[in-house]
N, C-alpha and C. Protein backbone atom coordinates (compact mmCIF):
# COMPACT_ATOMS: atom_id res chain seq x y z
N UNK A 1 -57.28 -32.21 137.02
CA UNK A 1 -58.67 -32.56 137.21
C UNK A 1 -59.52 -31.64 136.35
N UNK A 2 -60.49 -32.21 135.69
CA UNK A 2 -61.37 -31.43 134.85
C UNK A 2 -62.79 -31.59 135.33
N UNK A 3 -63.46 -30.48 135.60
CA UNK A 3 -64.85 -30.50 136.04
C UNK A 3 -65.79 -30.36 134.88
N UNK A 4 -67.04 -30.11 135.18
CA UNK A 4 -68.04 -29.97 134.14
C UNK A 4 -67.78 -28.78 133.25
N UNK A 5 -67.05 -27.79 133.76
CA UNK A 5 -66.76 -26.60 132.99
C UNK A 5 -65.74 -26.84 131.89
N UNK A 6 -65.06 -28.00 131.92
CA UNK A 6 -64.17 -28.36 130.85
C UNK A 6 -62.72 -27.96 131.06
N UNK A 7 -62.41 -27.15 132.01
CA UNK A 7 -61.03 -26.76 132.26
C UNK A 7 -60.66 -27.15 133.68
N UNK A 8 -59.38 -27.45 133.91
CA UNK A 8 -58.96 -27.85 135.24
C UNK A 8 -59.09 -26.70 136.23
N UNK A 9 -59.23 -27.07 137.49
CA UNK A 9 -59.27 -26.06 138.54
C UNK A 9 -57.88 -25.47 138.72
N UNK A 10 -57.85 -24.20 139.08
CA UNK A 10 -56.58 -23.59 139.45
C UNK A 10 -56.10 -24.24 140.74
N UNK A 11 -54.81 -24.13 141.03
CA UNK A 11 -54.32 -24.70 142.30
C UNK A 11 -55.07 -24.13 143.51
N UNK A 12 -55.37 -22.84 143.51
CA UNK A 12 -56.09 -22.23 144.62
C UNK A 12 -57.50 -22.81 144.74
N UNK A 13 -58.18 -22.98 143.62
CA UNK A 13 -59.54 -23.55 143.65
C UNK A 13 -59.50 -24.99 144.13
N UNK A 14 -58.49 -25.75 143.71
CA UNK A 14 -58.37 -27.14 144.17
C UNK A 14 -58.11 -27.19 145.66
N UNK A 15 -57.23 -26.31 146.17
CA UNK A 15 -56.98 -26.26 147.61
C UNK A 15 -58.25 -25.89 148.36
N UNK A 16 -59.01 -24.96 147.82
CA UNK A 16 -60.26 -24.56 148.46
C UNK A 16 -61.24 -25.72 148.49
N UNK A 17 -61.36 -26.45 147.39
CA UNK A 17 -62.24 -27.61 147.34
C UNK A 17 -61.80 -28.65 148.37
N UNK A 18 -60.52 -28.90 148.46
CA UNK A 18 -59.99 -29.84 149.44
C UNK A 18 -60.32 -29.39 150.87
N UNK A 19 -60.21 -28.10 151.14
CA UNK A 19 -60.53 -27.56 152.46
C UNK A 19 -62.01 -27.76 152.78
N UNK A 20 -62.87 -27.53 151.79
CA UNK A 20 -64.31 -27.74 152.00
C UNK A 20 -64.62 -29.21 152.25
N UNK A 21 -64.00 -30.09 151.49
CA UNK A 21 -64.21 -31.53 151.70
C UNK A 21 -63.79 -31.92 153.12
N UNK A 22 -62.65 -31.42 153.56
CA UNK A 22 -62.14 -31.74 154.90
C UNK A 22 -63.02 -31.20 156.01
N UNK A 23 -63.66 -30.07 155.77
CA UNK A 23 -64.47 -29.41 156.80
C UNK A 23 -65.96 -29.74 156.69
N UNK A 24 -66.32 -30.64 155.80
CA UNK A 24 -67.73 -30.93 155.57
C UNK A 24 -68.41 -31.40 156.85
N UNK A 25 -69.47 -30.70 157.27
CA UNK A 25 -70.18 -31.09 158.50
C UNK A 25 -70.91 -32.42 158.32
N UNK A 26 -71.33 -33.00 159.43
CA UNK A 26 -72.04 -34.28 159.41
C UNK A 26 -73.29 -34.24 158.54
N UNK A 27 -73.94 -33.09 158.48
CA UNK A 27 -75.16 -32.99 157.68
C UNK A 27 -74.89 -32.87 156.19
N UNK A 28 -73.61 -32.91 155.80
CA UNK A 28 -73.19 -32.95 154.40
C UNK A 28 -73.55 -31.70 153.60
N UNK A 29 -73.74 -30.57 154.27
CA UNK A 29 -74.02 -29.33 153.56
C UNK A 29 -73.50 -28.15 154.36
N UNK A 30 -73.27 -27.06 153.65
CA UNK A 30 -72.79 -25.82 154.24
C UNK A 30 -73.78 -24.72 153.95
N UNK A 31 -73.88 -23.76 154.85
CA UNK A 31 -74.48 -22.49 154.45
C UNK A 31 -73.39 -21.76 153.67
N UNK A 32 -73.78 -20.76 152.93
CA UNK A 32 -72.75 -19.97 152.25
C UNK A 32 -71.79 -19.38 153.26
N UNK A 33 -72.32 -18.91 154.39
CA UNK A 33 -71.46 -18.29 155.41
C UNK A 33 -70.44 -19.28 155.96
N UNK A 34 -70.87 -20.53 156.18
CA UNK A 34 -69.94 -21.55 156.67
C UNK A 34 -68.85 -21.82 155.64
N UNK A 35 -69.23 -21.93 154.38
CA UNK A 35 -68.25 -22.18 153.32
C UNK A 35 -67.25 -21.03 153.23
N UNK A 36 -67.75 -19.80 153.27
CA UNK A 36 -66.84 -18.65 153.22
C UNK A 36 -65.90 -18.68 154.42
N UNK A 37 -66.43 -19.00 155.61
CA UNK A 37 -65.60 -19.02 156.82
C UNK A 37 -64.49 -20.06 156.71
N UNK A 38 -64.79 -21.23 156.15
CA UNK A 38 -63.77 -22.27 155.97
C UNK A 38 -62.65 -21.74 155.10
N UNK A 39 -63.01 -21.09 154.01
CA UNK A 39 -61.98 -20.61 153.08
C UNK A 39 -61.21 -19.42 153.65
N UNK A 40 -61.88 -18.54 154.35
CA UNK A 40 -61.19 -17.41 154.97
C UNK A 40 -60.18 -17.93 156.00
N UNK A 41 -60.61 -18.90 156.81
CA UNK A 41 -59.75 -19.42 157.87
C UNK A 41 -58.66 -20.35 157.35
N UNK A 42 -59.03 -21.30 156.50
CA UNK A 42 -58.08 -22.34 156.09
C UNK A 42 -57.24 -21.98 154.88
N UNK A 43 -57.72 -21.11 154.04
CA UNK A 43 -56.99 -20.78 152.82
C UNK A 43 -56.47 -19.35 152.83
N UNK A 44 -56.62 -18.67 153.95
CA UNK A 44 -56.10 -17.30 154.12
C UNK A 44 -56.62 -16.37 153.02
N UNK A 45 -57.91 -16.51 152.72
CA UNK A 45 -58.55 -15.64 151.73
C UNK A 45 -59.37 -14.58 152.44
N UNK A 46 -59.53 -13.45 151.83
CA UNK A 46 -60.48 -12.47 152.30
C UNK A 46 -61.87 -12.88 151.85
N UNK A 47 -62.88 -12.22 152.34
CA UNK A 47 -64.25 -12.56 151.98
C UNK A 47 -64.49 -12.49 150.46
N UNK A 48 -64.04 -11.43 149.77
CA UNK A 48 -64.27 -11.40 148.31
C UNK A 48 -63.62 -12.59 147.59
N UNK A 49 -62.43 -12.97 148.01
CA UNK A 49 -61.76 -14.12 147.39
C UNK A 49 -62.50 -15.41 147.65
N UNK A 50 -63.00 -15.57 148.87
CA UNK A 50 -63.77 -16.78 149.22
C UNK A 50 -65.05 -16.84 148.39
N UNK A 51 -65.72 -15.72 148.23
CA UNK A 51 -66.95 -15.68 147.43
C UNK A 51 -66.65 -16.06 145.98
N UNK A 52 -65.54 -15.56 145.45
CA UNK A 52 -65.15 -15.86 144.08
C UNK A 52 -64.86 -17.35 143.89
N UNK A 53 -64.14 -17.94 144.81
CA UNK A 53 -63.80 -19.36 144.72
C UNK A 53 -65.07 -20.21 144.82
N UNK A 54 -65.98 -19.88 145.73
CA UNK A 54 -67.23 -20.63 145.85
C UNK A 54 -68.00 -20.55 144.53
N UNK A 55 -68.06 -19.37 143.95
CA UNK A 55 -68.75 -19.20 142.67
C UNK A 55 -68.10 -20.04 141.57
N UNK A 56 -66.78 -20.06 141.53
CA UNK A 56 -66.08 -20.87 140.52
C UNK A 56 -66.38 -22.35 140.71
N UNK A 57 -66.32 -22.82 141.95
CA UNK A 57 -66.60 -24.23 142.22
C UNK A 57 -68.03 -24.58 141.86
N UNK A 58 -68.95 -23.68 142.13
CA UNK A 58 -70.36 -23.87 141.78
C UNK A 58 -70.51 -23.94 140.25
N UNK A 59 -69.91 -23.00 139.56
CA UNK A 59 -70.03 -22.94 138.10
C UNK A 59 -69.38 -24.13 137.40
N UNK A 60 -68.37 -24.72 138.02
CA UNK A 60 -67.69 -25.87 137.43
C UNK A 60 -68.31 -27.20 137.87
N UNK A 61 -69.38 -27.13 138.67
CA UNK A 61 -70.10 -28.34 139.03
C UNK A 61 -69.58 -29.09 140.24
N UNK A 62 -68.70 -28.47 141.02
CA UNK A 62 -68.19 -29.12 142.22
C UNK A 62 -69.09 -28.89 143.42
N UNK A 63 -69.91 -27.86 143.36
CA UNK A 63 -70.89 -27.55 144.39
C UNK A 63 -72.24 -27.38 143.73
N UNK A 64 -73.29 -27.65 144.50
CA UNK A 64 -74.63 -27.32 144.04
C UNK A 64 -75.43 -26.82 145.23
N UNK A 65 -76.53 -26.18 144.95
CA UNK A 65 -77.33 -25.54 145.99
C UNK A 65 -78.68 -26.23 146.14
N UNK A 66 -79.05 -26.48 147.40
CA UNK A 66 -80.37 -27.03 147.73
C UNK A 66 -80.93 -26.20 148.88
N UNK A 67 -82.04 -25.55 148.62
CA UNK A 67 -82.72 -24.75 149.64
C UNK A 67 -81.76 -23.78 150.33
N UNK A 68 -80.93 -23.12 149.54
CA UNK A 68 -80.05 -22.09 150.07
C UNK A 68 -78.78 -22.60 150.73
N UNK A 69 -78.54 -23.91 150.69
CA UNK A 69 -77.32 -24.46 151.27
C UNK A 69 -76.51 -25.14 150.17
N UNK A 70 -75.20 -25.15 150.37
CA UNK A 70 -74.28 -25.74 149.41
C UNK A 70 -73.98 -27.19 149.77
N UNK A 71 -73.92 -28.01 148.75
CA UNK A 71 -73.50 -29.40 148.91
C UNK A 71 -72.41 -29.67 147.88
N UNK A 72 -71.54 -30.59 148.23
CA UNK A 72 -70.49 -31.03 147.30
C UNK A 72 -71.07 -32.10 146.39
N UNK A 73 -70.75 -32.04 145.13
CA UNK A 73 -71.16 -33.11 144.23
C UNK A 73 -70.32 -34.34 144.56
N UNK A 74 -70.76 -35.49 144.11
CA UNK A 74 -69.95 -36.70 144.30
C UNK A 74 -68.59 -36.52 143.66
N UNK A 75 -68.57 -35.81 142.53
CA UNK A 75 -67.32 -35.54 141.83
C UNK A 75 -66.39 -34.73 142.71
N UNK A 76 -66.93 -33.68 143.33
CA UNK A 76 -66.10 -32.81 144.17
C UNK A 76 -65.66 -33.47 145.44
N UNK A 77 -66.50 -34.32 146.03
CA UNK A 77 -66.18 -34.90 147.33
C UNK A 77 -65.29 -36.12 147.24
N UNK A 78 -65.02 -36.63 146.04
CA UNK A 78 -64.14 -37.78 145.91
C UNK A 78 -62.70 -37.38 145.66
N UNK A 79 -62.41 -36.12 145.57
CA UNK A 79 -61.06 -35.67 145.26
C UNK A 79 -60.20 -35.68 146.49
């Protein structure tokens, strides 16, 4: 899979994206804290690792921010 950044996601980043898609709340957005918690719990990452993965997904266009909350792009949520 290739995102807007032009390179495929690492297996860990893809697993993290899948975990976020699976845990997406009804309101279709996460706070940063909720997103970190999903990755810490479901992907066995520490907080620094979760922050890094969120940043990578954001930079590659799989996440975007609206009023301080994260949303999955259509591209990210269809995987």
